[in-house]
Amino acid sequence: DRQAVLKRFQPALRIAGNQGRGQEVYNRLCLVCHRTDQPVSVGPDLRSITDKSFAGLLTAILDPNQSVDPRYLAYTIDLRDDSSFSGRIISESGNGISLLTAEGKPHTILRSQIAHLQGSRLSMMPEGLETGLTPQQLADLIAFVRELK
């Protein structure tokens, strides 16, 4: 229940965050998907987000499916050989689809190989990132993300 999680972490909005400690949390939980050193990453460049309010970031982190940029929706592609891939579509052509998995690995799949393509309304960002986080750590993470330039 994402609403219960949001309520449980509301105290983080009243705690002063430390950017240095927030960077440690970011490096551990976020950097794998929100990379700025690659031309294409699994998640968006967090420097480009428009709502950097404390409440906006709290919601985006704890309830990532509340508002999803269509470019970061998750897709599953089942192939005719019974294998499958999950990720976000990074490009399409008449011949195939390029998918970027959560691990950051690109896969180009020919349309002739596809048995089933299923889109979801869910973000590539998983729910539950708060597991093991304290309100202080979340406040630190928010302080770090707010200052990304």
Protein backbone atom coordinates (compact mmCIF):
# COMPACT_ATOMS: atom_id res chain seq x y z
CA ASP A 1 0.00 0.00 0.00
CA ARG A 2 1.90 3.01 -1.30
CA GLN A 3 -0.33 5.47 0.60
CA ALA A 4 0.63 3.83 3.89
CA VAL A 5 4.31 4.04 2.93
CA LEU A 6 3.95 7.73 2.06
CA LYS A 7 2.27 8.37 5.40
CA ARG A 8 4.96 6.43 7.29
CA PHE A 9 7.71 8.55 5.71
CA GLN A 10 6.05 11.97 6.14
CA PRO A 11 8.44 12.75 9.03
CA ALA A 12 11.26 12.87 6.44
CA LEU A 13 9.76 16.14 5.21
CA ARG A 14 10.51 17.78 8.56
CA ILE A 15 14.09 16.51 8.91
CA ALA A 16 17.11 18.42 7.65
CA GLY A 17 18.81 16.31 5.02
CA ASN A 18 22.55 15.96 4.55
CA GLN A 19 23.64 16.01 0.89
CA GLY A 20 26.80 13.98 1.52
CA ARG A 21 24.92 11.16 3.19
CA GLY A 22 22.23 11.53 0.52
CA GLN A 23 24.80 10.91 -2.19
CA GLU A 24 25.75 7.65 -0.45
CA VAL A 25 22.08 6.56 -0.53
CA TYR A 26 21.80 7.68 -4.16
CA ASN A 27 24.93 5.73 -5.14
CA ARG A 28 23.57 2.61 -3.44
CA LEU A 29 19.94 2.73 -4.63
CA CYS A 30 19.57 5.07 -7.59
CA LEU A 31 22.77 5.33 -9.60
CA VAL A 32 22.34 1.99 -11.36
CA CYS A 33 19.32 3.39 -13.26
CA HIS A 34 19.74 7.16 -13.09
CA ARG A 35 23.14 7.50 -14.74
CA THR A 36 24.40 10.69 -16.32
CA ASP A 37 27.57 9.24 -17.83
CA GLN A 38 25.80 7.20 -20.53
CA PRO A 39 23.86 8.38 -23.58
CA VAL A 40 20.84 6.23 -22.63
CA SER A 41 19.99 5.09 -19.12
CA VAL A 42 17.20 3.05 -17.60
CA GLY A 43 15.76 6.01 -15.70
CA PRO A 44 15.60 9.70 -16.48
CA ASP A 45 18.40 12.12 -15.70
CA LEU A 46 17.30 13.44 -12.31
CA ARG A 47 18.80 16.82 -13.10
CA SER A 48 15.91 17.29 -15.55
CA ILE A 49 12.98 16.68 -13.21
CA THR A 50 10.76 19.68 -12.78
CA ASP A 51 9.19 19.06 -9.36
CA LYS A 52 12.07 19.10 -6.91
CA SER A 53 9.89 20.04 -3.96
CA PHE A 54 10.40 17.89 -0.86
CA ALA A 55 6.87 16.49 -1.13
CA GLY A 56 7.19 15.91 -4.88
CA LEU A 57 10.44 13.99 -4.51
CA LEU A 58 9.11 12.00 -1.56
CA THR A 59 6.15 10.88 -3.68
CA ALA A 60 8.27 10.17 -6.77
CA ILE A 61 10.64 7.97 -4.76
CA LEU A 62 8.07 6.10 -2.69
CA ASP A 63 5.25 5.83 -5.24
CA PRO A 64 6.97 5.78 -8.65
CA ASN A 65 3.84 4.64 -10.47
CA GLN A 66 1.77 7.65 -9.44
CA SER A 67 3.09 9.68 -12.37
CA VAL A 68 5.16 8.02 -15.09
CA ASP A 69 6.78 9.60 -18.12
CA PRO A 70 5.68 7.35 -21.02
CA ARG A 71 9.32 7.00 -22.12
CA TYR A 72 10.02 5.06 -18.90
CA LEU A 73 7.13 2.60 -18.92
CA ALA A 74 7.98 -1.08 -18.56
CA TYR A 75 7.38 -3.53 -21.42
CA THR A 76 7.68 -7.30 -21.64
CA ILE A 77 8.54 -8.99 -24.90
CA ASP A 78 7.97 -12.73 -25.18
CA LEU A 79 9.88 -14.33 -28.01
CA ARG A 80 8.91 -17.26 -30.19
CA ASP A 81 11.72 -19.33 -28.62
CA ASP A 82 9.99 -18.99 -25.17
CA SER A 83 12.54 -16.51 -23.84
CA SER A 84 11.52 -13.02 -22.77
CA PHE A 85 12.90 -9.58 -22.03
CA SER A 86 11.58 -6.81 -19.80
CA GLY A 87 12.61 -3.19 -19.99
CA ARG A 88 11.83 0.12 -21.61
CA ILE A 89 11.64 0.69 -25.33
CA ILE A 90 14.41 3.02 -26.44
CA SER A 91 13.75 2.83 -30.17
CA GLU A 92 11.54 1.15 -32.75
CA SER A 93 11.72 0.54 -36.46
CA GLY A 94 9.70 -1.44 -38.95
CA ASN A 95 12.07 -4.36 -38.43
CA GLY A 96 12.59 -4.38 -34.68
CA ILE A 97 12.47 -2.95 -31.21
CA SER A 98 15.39 -1.91 -29.02
CA LEU A 99 14.75 -2.54 -25.36
CA LEU A 100 16.88 -1.45 -22.39
CA THR A 101 16.61 -3.85 -19.44
CA ALA A 102 16.70 -2.80 -15.79
CA GLU A 103 20.35 -3.88 -15.74
CA GLY A 104 21.08 -1.29 -18.42
CA LYS A 105 21.69 -3.84 -21.18
CA PRO A 106 20.27 -2.99 -24.61
CA HIS A 107 18.66 -5.70 -26.72
CA THR A 108 17.54 -5.31 -30.32
CA ILE A 109 14.77 -7.74 -31.14
CA LEU A 110 13.51 -8.41 -34.63
CA ARG A 111 9.75 -8.16 -34.97
CA SER A 112 9.75 -11.62 -36.57
CA GLN A 113 11.08 -13.02 -33.26
CA ILE A 114 8.30 -11.49 -31.15
CA ALA A 115 5.45 -13.71 -30.01
CA HIS A 116 3.88 -11.14 -27.68
CA LEU A 117 4.57 -7.54 -26.69
CA GLN A 118 2.95 -6.33 -23.48
CA GLY A 119 3.12 -2.76 -22.24
CA SER A 120 2.32 -1.81 -18.68
CA ARG A 121 1.32 1.40 -17.00
CA LEU A 122 4.11 0.85 -14.49
CA SER A 123 7.37 2.67 -14.17
CA MET A 124 10.66 0.88 -14.62
CA MET A 125 11.43 2.21 -11.13
CA PRO A 126 10.50 -0.50 -8.65
CA GLU A 127 8.30 0.07 -5.66
CA GLY A 128 9.84 -0.72 -2.31
CA LEU A 129 13.06 1.28 -2.51
CA GLU A 130 12.26 2.49 0.98
CA THR A 131 12.92 -0.96 2.42
CA GLY A 132 15.70 -0.57 4.92
CA LEU A 133 15.65 3.24 4.74
CA THR A 134 15.03 5.46 7.70
CA PRO A 135 13.21 8.79 7.39
CA GLN A 136 16.61 10.47 7.94
CA GLN A 137 18.15 8.58 5.02
CA LEU A 138 15.23 9.52 2.81
CA ALA A 139 15.58 13.17 3.86
CA ASP A 140 19.30 12.93 3.00
CA LEU A 141 18.51 11.44 -0.43
CA ILE A 142 15.96 14.18 -1.15
CA ALA A 143 18.50 16.86 -0.13
CA PHE A 144 21.01 15.37 -2.57
CA VAL A 145 18.58 15.04 -5.50
CA ARG A 146 17.28 18.59 -4.99
CA GLU A 147 20.78 19.94 -5.58
CA LEU A 148 21.64 17.92 -8.70
CA LYS A 149 22.60 20.27 -11.50
